[in-house]
N, C-alpha and C. Protein backbone atom coordinates (compact mmCIF):
# COMPACT_ATOMS: atom_id res chain seq x y z
N MET A 1 102.87 130.01 122.64
CA MET A 1 103.91 129.06 122.29
C MET A 1 103.81 128.71 120.81
N SER A 2 104.90 128.93 120.08
CA SER A 2 104.87 128.60 118.66
C SER A 2 105.03 127.10 118.50
N ASP A 3 104.55 126.59 117.40
CA ASP A 3 104.64 125.15 117.16
C ASP A 3 105.46 124.90 115.91
N ILE A 4 106.70 125.39 115.91
CA ILE A 4 107.60 125.16 114.78
C ILE A 4 108.23 123.80 114.98
N ARG A 5 108.13 122.98 113.98
CA ARG A 5 108.68 121.63 114.04
C ARG A 5 109.95 121.56 113.20
N TRP A 6 110.96 120.98 113.82
CA TRP A 6 112.24 120.74 113.14
C TRP A 6 112.46 119.24 113.08
N GLY A 7 113.01 118.77 112.00
CA GLY A 7 113.33 117.36 111.87
C GLY A 7 114.82 117.16 111.66
N TYR A 8 115.31 116.04 112.15
CA TYR A 8 116.72 115.70 111.93
C TYR A 8 116.77 114.24 111.48
N ALA A 9 117.45 114.02 110.35
CA ALA A 9 117.62 112.67 109.81
C ALA A 9 119.11 112.46 109.56
N ARG A 10 119.58 111.23 109.86
CA ARG A 10 120.99 110.93 109.65
C ARG A 10 121.15 109.46 109.30
N VAL A 11 122.02 109.21 108.35
CA VAL A 11 122.47 107.85 108.06
C VAL A 11 123.99 107.86 108.16
N SER A 12 124.55 106.68 108.36
CA SER A 12 125.99 106.59 108.62
C SER A 12 126.86 106.67 107.38
N SER A 13 126.36 106.23 106.25
CA SER A 13 127.24 106.22 105.08
C SER A 13 126.55 106.79 103.86
N VAL A 14 127.37 107.16 102.90
CA VAL A 14 126.89 107.79 101.67
C VAL A 14 125.96 106.84 100.91
N GLY A 15 126.18 105.55 100.98
CA GLY A 15 125.37 104.58 100.25
C GLY A 15 123.97 104.38 100.81
N GLN A 16 123.72 104.83 102.03
CA GLN A 16 122.41 104.66 102.65
C GLN A 16 121.48 105.80 102.25
N SER A 17 120.18 105.53 102.36
CA SER A 17 119.19 106.51 101.96
C SER A 17 118.51 107.15 103.16
N LEU A 18 118.26 108.45 103.04
CA LEU A 18 117.55 109.21 104.07
C LEU A 18 116.04 109.23 103.82
N ASP A 19 115.60 108.66 102.70
CA ASP A 19 114.22 108.78 102.25
C ASP A 19 113.19 108.34 103.30
N VAL A 20 113.40 107.19 103.93
CA VAL A 20 112.43 106.67 104.90
C VAL A 20 112.29 107.63 106.09
N GLN A 21 113.43 108.11 106.60
CA GLN A 21 113.38 109.04 107.73
C GLN A 21 112.69 110.34 107.34
N ILE A 22 113.03 110.87 106.18
CA ILE A 22 112.46 112.14 105.73
C ILE A 22 110.95 112.00 105.53
N ALA A 23 110.51 110.88 104.97
CA ALA A 23 109.07 110.64 104.78
C ALA A 23 108.35 110.58 106.13
N ALA A 24 108.97 109.92 107.12
CA ALA A 24 108.35 109.83 108.45
C ALA A 24 108.28 111.21 109.12
N LEU A 25 109.31 112.01 108.94
CA LEU A 25 109.31 113.36 109.52
C LEU A 25 108.24 114.23 108.88
N LYS A 26 108.10 114.13 107.58
CA LYS A 26 107.05 114.88 106.88
C LYS A 26 105.67 114.43 107.36
N ALA A 27 105.49 113.12 107.53
CA ALA A 27 104.21 112.58 108.00
C ALA A 27 103.90 113.07 109.42
N ALA A 28 104.95 113.38 110.19
CA ALA A 28 104.77 113.88 111.56
C ALA A 28 104.54 115.39 111.58
N GLY A 29 104.46 115.99 110.40
CA GLY A 29 104.14 117.42 110.32
C GLY A 29 105.33 118.35 110.25
N VAL A 30 106.50 117.82 109.96
CA VAL A 30 107.68 118.67 109.82
C VAL A 30 107.74 119.19 108.38
N PRO A 31 107.75 120.52 108.19
CA PRO A 31 107.88 121.06 106.83
C PRO A 31 109.22 120.65 106.22
N GLU A 32 109.22 120.38 104.94
CA GLU A 32 110.44 119.92 104.27
C GLU A 32 111.61 120.88 104.47
N ASP A 33 111.33 122.18 104.48
CA ASP A 33 112.39 123.18 104.68
C ASP A 33 112.99 123.12 106.08
N ASN A 34 112.31 122.48 107.01
CA ASN A 34 112.79 122.40 108.40
C ASN A 34 113.42 121.05 108.72
N ILE A 35 113.69 120.25 107.70
CA ILE A 35 114.34 118.96 107.92
C ILE A 35 115.82 119.11 107.59
N LEU A 36 116.64 118.88 108.59
CA LEU A 36 118.10 118.91 108.41
C LEU A 36 118.57 117.46 108.37
N SER A 37 119.37 117.13 107.36
CA SER A 37 119.81 115.75 107.22
C SER A 37 121.27 115.71 106.83
N GLU A 38 121.89 114.59 107.19
CA GLU A 38 123.29 114.42 106.82
C GLU A 38 123.64 112.94 106.73
N LYS A 39 124.66 112.68 105.94
CA LYS A 39 125.20 111.34 105.78
C LYS A 39 126.58 111.35 106.41
N ILE A 40 126.58 110.97 107.69
CA ILE A 40 127.83 111.02 108.47
C ILE A 40 127.70 110.04 109.62
N SER A 41 128.79 109.48 110.04
CA SER A 41 128.77 108.53 111.15
C SER A 41 128.27 109.19 112.43
N GLY A 42 127.46 108.46 113.17
CA GLY A 42 126.96 108.96 114.45
C GLY A 42 128.07 109.08 115.48
N SER A 43 129.20 108.40 115.24
CA SER A 43 130.32 108.50 116.17
C SER A 43 131.11 109.78 115.98
N SER A 44 130.81 110.49 114.89
CA SER A 44 131.50 111.75 114.64
C SER A 44 130.92 112.86 115.51
N ALA A 45 131.77 113.57 116.20
CA ALA A 45 131.31 114.69 117.02
C ALA A 45 131.02 115.91 116.14
N ASP A 46 131.57 115.91 114.93
CA ASP A 46 131.38 117.04 114.03
C ASP A 46 130.26 116.73 113.04
N ARG A 47 129.05 117.09 113.42
CA ARG A 47 127.88 116.89 112.56
C ARG A 47 127.29 118.27 112.27
N PRO A 48 127.66 118.88 111.14
CA PRO A 48 127.27 120.26 110.84
C PRO A 48 125.76 120.51 110.86
N GLN A 49 124.97 119.57 110.34
CA GLN A 49 123.52 119.79 110.31
C GLN A 49 122.91 119.73 111.71
N LEU A 50 123.46 118.88 112.57
CA LEU A 50 123.00 118.83 113.96
C LEU A 50 123.33 120.15 114.66
N LYS A 51 124.51 120.68 114.40
CA LYS A 51 124.89 121.97 115.00
C LYS A 51 123.95 123.08 114.53
N LEU A 52 123.58 123.06 113.25
CA LEU A 52 122.61 124.05 112.74
C LEU A 52 121.26 123.89 113.44
N LEU A 53 120.83 122.65 113.61
CA LEU A 53 119.57 122.39 114.31
C LEU A 53 119.61 122.95 115.72
N GLN A 54 120.72 122.75 116.40
CA GLN A 54 120.85 123.26 117.76
C GLN A 54 120.80 124.79 117.78
N GLN A 55 121.24 125.44 116.72
CA GLN A 55 121.18 126.90 116.63
C GLN A 55 119.78 127.38 116.27
N PHE A 56 119.12 126.71 115.34
CA PHE A 56 117.83 127.17 114.82
C PHE A 56 116.67 126.93 115.78
N ALA A 57 116.66 125.80 116.47
CA ALA A 57 115.53 125.45 117.33
C ALA A 57 115.40 126.49 118.46
N ARG A 58 114.21 127.03 118.58
CA ARG A 58 113.94 128.09 119.57
C ARG A 58 112.84 127.66 120.54
N LYS A 59 112.70 128.42 121.59
CA LYS A 59 111.67 128.16 122.60
C LYS A 59 110.31 127.98 121.93
N GLY A 60 109.63 126.93 122.34
CA GLY A 60 108.31 126.65 121.79
C GLY A 60 108.33 125.75 120.58
N SER A 61 109.50 125.47 120.02
CA SER A 61 109.56 124.57 118.87
C SER A 61 109.78 123.13 119.33
N THR A 62 109.64 122.21 118.40
CA THR A 62 109.82 120.79 118.70
C THR A 62 110.81 120.19 117.71
N VAL A 63 111.77 119.43 118.23
CA VAL A 63 112.72 118.70 117.39
C VAL A 63 112.22 117.27 117.32
N ILE A 64 112.10 116.76 116.10
CA ILE A 64 111.58 115.41 115.89
C ILE A 64 112.62 114.57 115.15
N ILE A 65 112.83 113.35 115.65
CA ILE A 65 113.69 112.38 114.99
C ILE A 65 112.92 111.07 114.88
N THR A 66 113.39 110.16 114.05
CA THR A 66 112.67 108.89 113.89
C THR A 66 113.09 107.87 114.95
N LYS A 67 114.38 107.80 115.28
CA LYS A 67 114.90 106.85 116.26
C LYS A 67 115.94 107.54 117.12
N LEU A 68 116.09 107.09 118.35
CA LEU A 68 117.07 107.69 119.27
C LEU A 68 118.48 107.66 118.70
N ASP A 69 118.87 106.56 118.06
CA ASP A 69 120.24 106.43 117.59
C ASP A 69 120.58 107.34 116.41
N ARG A 70 119.60 108.02 115.85
CA ARG A 70 119.87 108.96 114.77
C ARG A 70 120.47 110.26 115.30
N LEU A 71 120.23 110.57 116.56
CA LEU A 71 120.67 111.85 117.13
C LEU A 71 121.98 111.75 117.89
N GLY A 72 122.13 110.73 118.72
CA GLY A 72 123.30 110.68 119.60
C GLY A 72 124.20 109.49 119.36
N ARG A 73 125.48 109.69 119.68
CA ARG A 73 126.47 108.62 119.55
C ARG A 73 126.28 107.59 120.65
N SER A 74 125.76 108.04 121.78
CA SER A 74 125.52 107.18 122.94
C SER A 74 124.37 107.81 123.71
N LEU A 75 123.85 107.09 124.70
CA LEU A 75 122.77 107.69 125.48
C LEU A 75 123.27 108.90 126.26
N ASN A 76 124.53 108.88 126.66
CA ASN A 76 125.09 110.06 127.34
C ASN A 76 125.12 111.25 126.40
N ASP A 77 125.58 111.03 125.18
CA ASP A 77 125.63 112.08 124.17
C ASP A 77 124.21 112.57 123.88
N LEU A 78 123.29 111.64 123.72
CA LEU A 78 121.90 111.97 123.45
C LEU A 78 121.32 112.80 124.59
N SER A 79 121.58 112.39 125.82
CA SER A 79 121.08 113.14 126.99
C SER A 79 121.59 114.57 126.98
N SER A 80 122.85 114.73 126.64
CA SER A 80 123.46 116.06 126.60
C SER A 80 122.80 116.93 125.53
N ILE A 81 122.57 116.35 124.36
CA ILE A 81 121.94 117.10 123.27
C ILE A 81 120.52 117.51 123.66
N VAL A 82 119.76 116.57 124.20
CA VAL A 82 118.37 116.85 124.58
C VAL A 82 118.32 117.85 125.73
N ALA A 83 119.26 117.75 126.67
CA ALA A 83 119.31 118.72 127.77
C ALA A 83 119.54 120.13 127.22
N GLY A 84 120.36 120.24 126.19
CA GLY A 84 120.58 121.54 125.54
C GLY A 84 119.31 122.08 124.93
N PHE A 85 118.53 121.19 124.28
CA PHE A 85 117.25 121.62 123.72
C PHE A 85 116.28 122.05 124.83
N GLU A 86 116.20 121.24 125.88
CA GLU A 86 115.27 121.55 126.97
C GLU A 86 115.62 122.87 127.66
N ALA A 87 116.92 123.15 127.77
CA ALA A 87 117.36 124.41 128.39
C ALA A 87 116.88 125.61 127.58
N LYS A 88 116.70 125.41 126.28
CA LYS A 88 116.20 126.48 125.40
C LYS A 88 114.68 126.48 125.31
N GLY A 89 114.02 125.53 125.98
CA GLY A 89 112.56 125.45 125.90
C GLY A 89 112.06 124.74 124.65
N VAL A 90 112.90 123.87 124.10
CA VAL A 90 112.56 123.12 122.89
C VAL A 90 112.14 121.71 123.29
N ALA A 91 110.97 121.26 122.81
CA ALA A 91 110.50 119.91 123.08
C ALA A 91 111.22 118.94 122.15
N PHE A 92 111.18 117.67 122.49
CA PHE A 92 111.91 116.65 121.74
C PHE A 92 111.00 115.44 121.56
N THR A 93 110.87 114.95 120.34
CA THR A 93 110.01 113.81 120.05
C THR A 93 110.78 112.76 119.25
N VAL A 94 110.62 111.49 119.66
CA VAL A 94 111.20 110.36 118.94
C VAL A 94 110.02 109.52 118.46
N LEU A 95 109.86 109.44 117.16
CA LEU A 95 108.69 108.77 116.58
C LEU A 95 108.63 107.28 116.89
N ASP A 96 109.70 106.52 116.60
CA ASP A 96 109.66 105.06 116.75
C ASP A 96 109.54 104.61 118.20
N GLN A 97 110.08 105.37 119.15
CA GLN A 97 110.01 104.99 120.55
C GLN A 97 108.89 105.70 121.30
N SER A 98 108.10 106.49 120.60
CA SER A 98 106.97 107.23 121.18
C SER A 98 107.38 108.04 122.42
N ILE A 99 108.47 108.79 122.29
CA ILE A 99 108.93 109.65 123.38
C ILE A 99 108.63 111.09 122.98
N ASP A 100 107.99 111.82 123.87
CA ASP A 100 107.67 113.23 123.64
C ASP A 100 107.92 113.98 124.94
N THR A 101 109.03 114.74 124.99
CA THR A 101 109.40 115.41 126.23
C THR A 101 108.51 116.60 126.57
N SER A 102 107.54 116.89 125.73
CA SER A 102 106.60 117.96 126.08
C SER A 102 105.49 117.42 126.99
N THR A 103 105.49 116.09 127.21
CA THR A 103 104.50 115.48 128.11
C THR A 103 105.21 114.93 129.34
N PRO A 104 104.51 114.84 130.47
CA PRO A 104 105.13 114.26 131.67
C PRO A 104 105.61 112.82 131.44
N THR A 105 104.83 112.02 130.73
CA THR A 105 105.22 110.63 130.48
C THR A 105 106.48 110.58 129.61
N GLY A 106 106.54 111.43 128.59
CA GLY A 106 107.72 111.47 127.73
C GLY A 106 108.97 111.89 128.48
N LYS A 107 108.82 112.87 129.37
CA LYS A 107 109.96 113.30 130.19
C LYS A 107 110.42 112.16 131.09
N LEU A 108 109.45 111.44 131.65
CA LEU A 108 109.78 110.31 132.52
C LEU A 108 110.53 109.24 131.73
N MET A 109 110.02 108.88 130.56
CA MET A 109 110.67 107.86 129.73
C MET A 109 112.10 108.27 129.37
N PHE A 110 112.26 109.51 128.94
CA PHE A 110 113.58 109.97 128.56
C PHE A 110 114.50 110.01 129.78
N GLY A 111 113.98 110.45 130.91
CA GLY A 111 114.76 110.49 132.15
C GLY A 111 115.21 109.10 132.56
N MET A 112 114.32 108.11 132.42
CA MET A 112 114.69 106.74 132.76
C MET A 112 115.79 106.23 131.82
N LEU A 113 115.65 106.51 130.54
CA LEU A 113 116.69 106.10 129.59
C LEU A 113 118.03 106.74 129.94
N SER A 114 118.00 108.01 130.29
CA SER A 114 119.23 108.71 130.67
C SER A 114 119.83 108.11 131.93
N SER A 115 118.98 107.77 132.91
CA SER A 115 119.48 107.17 134.15
C SER A 115 120.12 105.82 133.88
N PHE A 116 119.48 105.02 133.03
CA PHE A 116 120.07 103.72 132.67
C PHE A 116 121.41 103.91 131.97
N ALA A 117 121.49 104.91 131.12
CA ALA A 117 122.74 105.18 130.41
C ALA A 117 123.85 105.57 131.38
N GLU A 118 123.52 106.41 132.34
CA GLU A 118 124.51 106.83 133.34
C GLU A 118 124.95 105.64 134.18
N PHE A 119 124.01 104.79 134.57
CA PHE A 119 124.31 103.59 135.35
C PHE A 119 125.23 102.66 134.55
N GLU A 120 124.90 102.44 133.27
CA GLU A 120 125.71 101.58 132.41
C GLU A 120 127.12 102.13 132.26
N LEU A 121 127.24 103.45 132.11
CA LEU A 121 128.55 104.08 131.97
C LEU A 121 129.39 103.88 133.22
N SER A 122 128.79 104.04 134.40
CA SER A 122 129.56 103.86 135.64
C SER A 122 129.95 102.40 135.84
N LEU A 123 129.07 101.46 135.47
CA LEU A 123 129.42 100.04 135.57
C LEU A 123 130.58 99.70 134.63
N ARG A 124 130.53 100.24 133.42
CA ARG A 124 131.59 99.99 132.44
C ARG A 124 132.91 100.54 132.95
N ALA A 125 132.89 101.75 133.51
CA ALA A 125 134.12 102.35 134.03
C ALA A 125 134.68 101.52 135.19
N GLU A 126 133.78 101.04 136.05
CA GLU A 126 134.20 100.22 137.18
C GLU A 126 134.83 98.91 136.69
N ARG A 127 134.19 98.25 135.72
CA ARG A 127 134.75 97.01 135.16
C ARG A 127 136.10 97.26 134.51
N GLN A 128 136.23 98.40 133.83
CA GLN A 128 137.48 98.74 133.16
C GLN A 128 138.59 98.92 134.20
N MET A 129 138.31 99.62 135.29
CA MET A 129 139.32 99.85 136.32
C MET A 129 139.73 98.53 136.97
N VAL A 130 138.77 97.64 137.21
CA VAL A 130 139.08 96.33 137.79
C VAL A 130 139.97 95.55 136.82
N GLY A 131 139.65 95.58 135.54
CA GLY A 131 140.45 94.89 134.53
C GLY A 131 141.86 95.44 134.43
N ILE A 132 142.00 96.75 134.49
CA ILE A 132 143.32 97.38 134.43
C ILE A 132 144.15 96.99 135.65
N ALA A 133 143.53 97.04 136.83
CA ALA A 133 144.23 96.68 138.07
C ALA A 133 144.70 95.22 138.01
N ALA A 134 143.84 94.34 137.51
CA ALA A 134 144.20 92.92 137.41
C ALA A 134 145.36 92.73 136.42
N ALA A 135 145.31 93.44 135.32
CA ALA A 135 146.38 93.33 134.32
C ALA A 135 147.70 93.86 134.88
N LYS A 136 147.63 94.97 135.59
CA LYS A 136 148.86 95.52 136.19
C LYS A 136 149.44 94.57 137.22
N ALA A 137 148.55 93.91 138.00
CA ALA A 137 149.01 92.95 139.01
C ALA A 137 149.74 91.77 138.36
N LYS A 138 149.37 91.46 137.12
CA LYS A 138 150.03 90.37 136.39
C LYS A 138 151.27 90.85 135.64
N GLY A 139 151.60 92.16 135.80
CA GLY A 139 152.81 92.70 135.18
C GLY A 139 152.60 93.33 133.82
N LYS A 140 151.37 93.50 133.40
CA LYS A 140 151.08 94.12 132.10
C LYS A 140 151.47 95.59 132.14
N LYS A 141 152.17 96.02 131.10
CA LYS A 141 152.56 97.43 130.96
C LYS A 141 151.59 98.10 130.01
N PHE A 142 151.21 99.32 130.32
CA PHE A 142 150.29 100.07 129.48
C PHE A 142 151.03 101.22 128.81
N GLY A 143 150.52 101.68 127.71
CA GLY A 143 151.13 102.80 127.00
C GLY A 143 152.06 102.30 125.91
N ARG A 144 152.47 103.24 125.12
CA ARG A 144 153.33 102.93 123.99
C ARG A 144 154.74 102.64 124.51
N THR A 145 155.40 101.67 123.91
CA THR A 145 156.79 101.39 124.30
C THR A 145 157.68 102.48 123.71
N SER A 146 158.67 102.86 124.48
CA SER A 146 159.56 103.93 124.08
C SER A 146 160.43 103.49 122.91
N THR A 147 160.58 104.40 121.96
CA THR A 147 161.44 104.09 120.81
C THR A 147 162.82 104.70 120.99
N ILE A 148 162.97 105.50 122.05
CA ILE A 148 164.24 106.15 122.34
C ILE A 148 164.72 105.68 123.71
N SER A 149 165.93 105.25 123.77
CA SER A 149 166.45 104.73 125.04
C SER A 149 166.89 105.89 125.95
N PRO A 150 166.81 105.68 127.25
CA PRO A 150 167.31 106.69 128.19
C PRO A 150 168.79 107.02 127.96
N ASP A 151 169.57 106.01 127.53
CA ASP A 151 170.99 106.24 127.26
C ASP A 151 171.18 107.24 126.12
N ALA A 152 170.37 107.09 125.05
CA ALA A 152 170.48 107.98 123.90
C ALA A 152 170.12 109.41 124.29
N VAL A 153 169.12 109.57 125.14
CA VAL A 153 168.71 110.91 125.58
C VAL A 153 169.81 111.51 126.47
N ALA A 154 170.40 110.69 127.33
CA ALA A 154 171.47 111.18 128.21
C ALA A 154 172.67 111.64 127.38
N ASP A 155 173.00 110.88 126.34
CA ASP A 155 174.12 111.27 125.46
C ASP A 155 173.80 112.57 124.73
N ALA A 156 172.58 112.70 124.23
CA ALA A 156 172.18 113.92 123.51
C ALA A 156 172.17 115.12 124.45
N TYR A 157 171.76 114.89 125.71
CA TYR A 157 171.72 115.98 126.69
C TYR A 157 173.15 116.47 126.99
N LYS A 158 174.09 115.54 127.08
CA LYS A 158 175.49 115.91 127.32
C LYS A 158 176.02 116.77 126.17
N GLU A 159 175.54 116.49 124.95
CA GLU A 159 175.99 117.23 123.78
C GLU A 159 175.32 118.61 123.70
N HIS A 160 173.99 118.68 123.97
CA HIS A 160 173.23 119.92 123.77
C HIS A 160 173.10 120.78 125.04
N LEU A 161 173.28 120.17 126.21
CA LEU A 161 173.33 120.85 127.50
C LEU A 161 172.03 121.49 128.01
N THR A 162 170.96 121.51 127.22
CA THR A 162 169.67 122.00 127.74
C THR A 162 168.57 121.02 127.33
N ILE A 163 167.51 121.01 128.14
CA ILE A 163 166.36 120.14 127.87
C ILE A 163 165.73 120.52 126.52
N GLY A 164 165.54 121.82 126.29
CA GLY A 164 164.90 122.30 125.07
C GLY A 164 165.66 121.91 123.81
N LYS A 165 166.98 122.14 123.83
CA LYS A 165 167.79 121.80 122.66
C LYS A 165 167.84 120.29 122.44
N THR A 166 167.89 119.54 123.54
CA THR A 166 167.90 118.08 123.43
C THR A 166 166.59 117.58 122.83
N ALA A 167 165.48 118.12 123.31
CA ALA A 167 164.16 117.72 122.80
C ALA A 167 164.05 118.02 121.31
N LYS A 168 164.48 119.21 120.92
CA LYS A 168 164.40 119.62 119.51
C LYS A 168 165.28 118.72 118.64
N ALA A 169 166.49 118.46 119.09
CA ALA A 169 167.42 117.63 118.32
C ALA A 169 166.90 116.20 118.15
N MET A 170 166.22 115.69 119.17
CA MET A 170 165.74 114.30 119.11
C MET A 170 164.31 114.18 118.57
N GLY A 171 163.63 115.33 118.41
CA GLY A 171 162.27 115.29 117.88
C GLY A 171 161.26 114.75 118.87
N ILE A 172 161.51 115.04 120.17
CA ILE A 172 160.58 114.60 121.21
C ILE A 172 160.24 115.79 122.09
N SER A 173 159.28 115.61 122.98
CA SER A 173 158.87 116.71 123.84
C SER A 173 159.85 116.88 125.01
N LYS A 174 159.79 118.07 125.62
CA LYS A 174 160.63 118.34 126.79
C LYS A 174 160.29 117.38 127.93
N SER A 175 158.99 117.10 128.08
CA SER A 175 158.59 116.19 129.17
C SER A 175 159.16 114.79 128.94
N SER A 176 159.27 114.37 127.68
CA SER A 176 159.87 113.06 127.39
C SER A 176 161.35 113.06 127.74
N VAL A 177 162.04 114.17 127.46
CA VAL A 177 163.45 114.27 127.83
C VAL A 177 163.59 114.17 129.34
N HIS A 178 162.75 114.90 130.08
CA HIS A 178 162.80 114.84 131.55
C HIS A 178 162.57 113.40 132.04
N ARG A 179 161.54 112.76 131.51
CA ARG A 179 161.18 111.41 131.95
C ARG A 179 162.32 110.43 131.65
N LEU A 180 162.89 110.52 130.46
CA LEU A 180 163.95 109.58 130.07
C LEU A 180 165.26 109.86 130.82
N LEU A 181 165.53 111.12 131.11
CA LEU A 181 166.73 111.42 131.91
C LEU A 181 166.56 110.90 133.34
N LYS A 182 165.36 111.00 133.85
CA LYS A 182 165.06 110.49 135.20
C LYS A 182 165.22 108.96 135.21
N ALA A 183 164.76 108.29 134.15
CA ALA A 183 164.88 106.83 134.05
C ALA A 183 166.35 106.41 133.95
N GLU A 184 167.18 107.26 133.33
CA GLU A 184 168.60 106.97 133.17
C GLU A 184 169.33 107.09 134.50
N ALA A 185 168.87 108.02 135.33
CA ALA A 185 169.57 108.29 136.60
C ALA A 185 169.48 107.15 137.58
């Protein structure tokens, strides 16, 4: 088993410094050439250096980060990224939280965090559905309000005679023409 160490450091904005994370990764034995870093929001799904890390890390190597929130946008996202590493035989270490998935205890800790994240996600979805149902019961309408009246679509349809031509003339989709004609009827 090779012991190639990869590091990943990320800060959210250009004004922030990566120095502390990079120093911690070097202290953990990550060669400077193996540290991938970027200044980009964690909420962005497009993180080029993370994608490179996912390509470079091979079986027997270890990916090291300083904190959990540096890698994933959420615990679900983090779980998915780490599962991808584990599928390739890559260990994962978080310095500040003392998590090391190459050990049974580290796997347990990470698994518990992932389970809590999944539980939190399902509770949030359940609360959201209850809130939506309550709002609908009170007459709340969801979605964008239509800027085109069914009457206007019906008049345009009489002029153009096809759904496609009507949609093109009005600058809306065919499905919108169908929906608005149905509402007019």
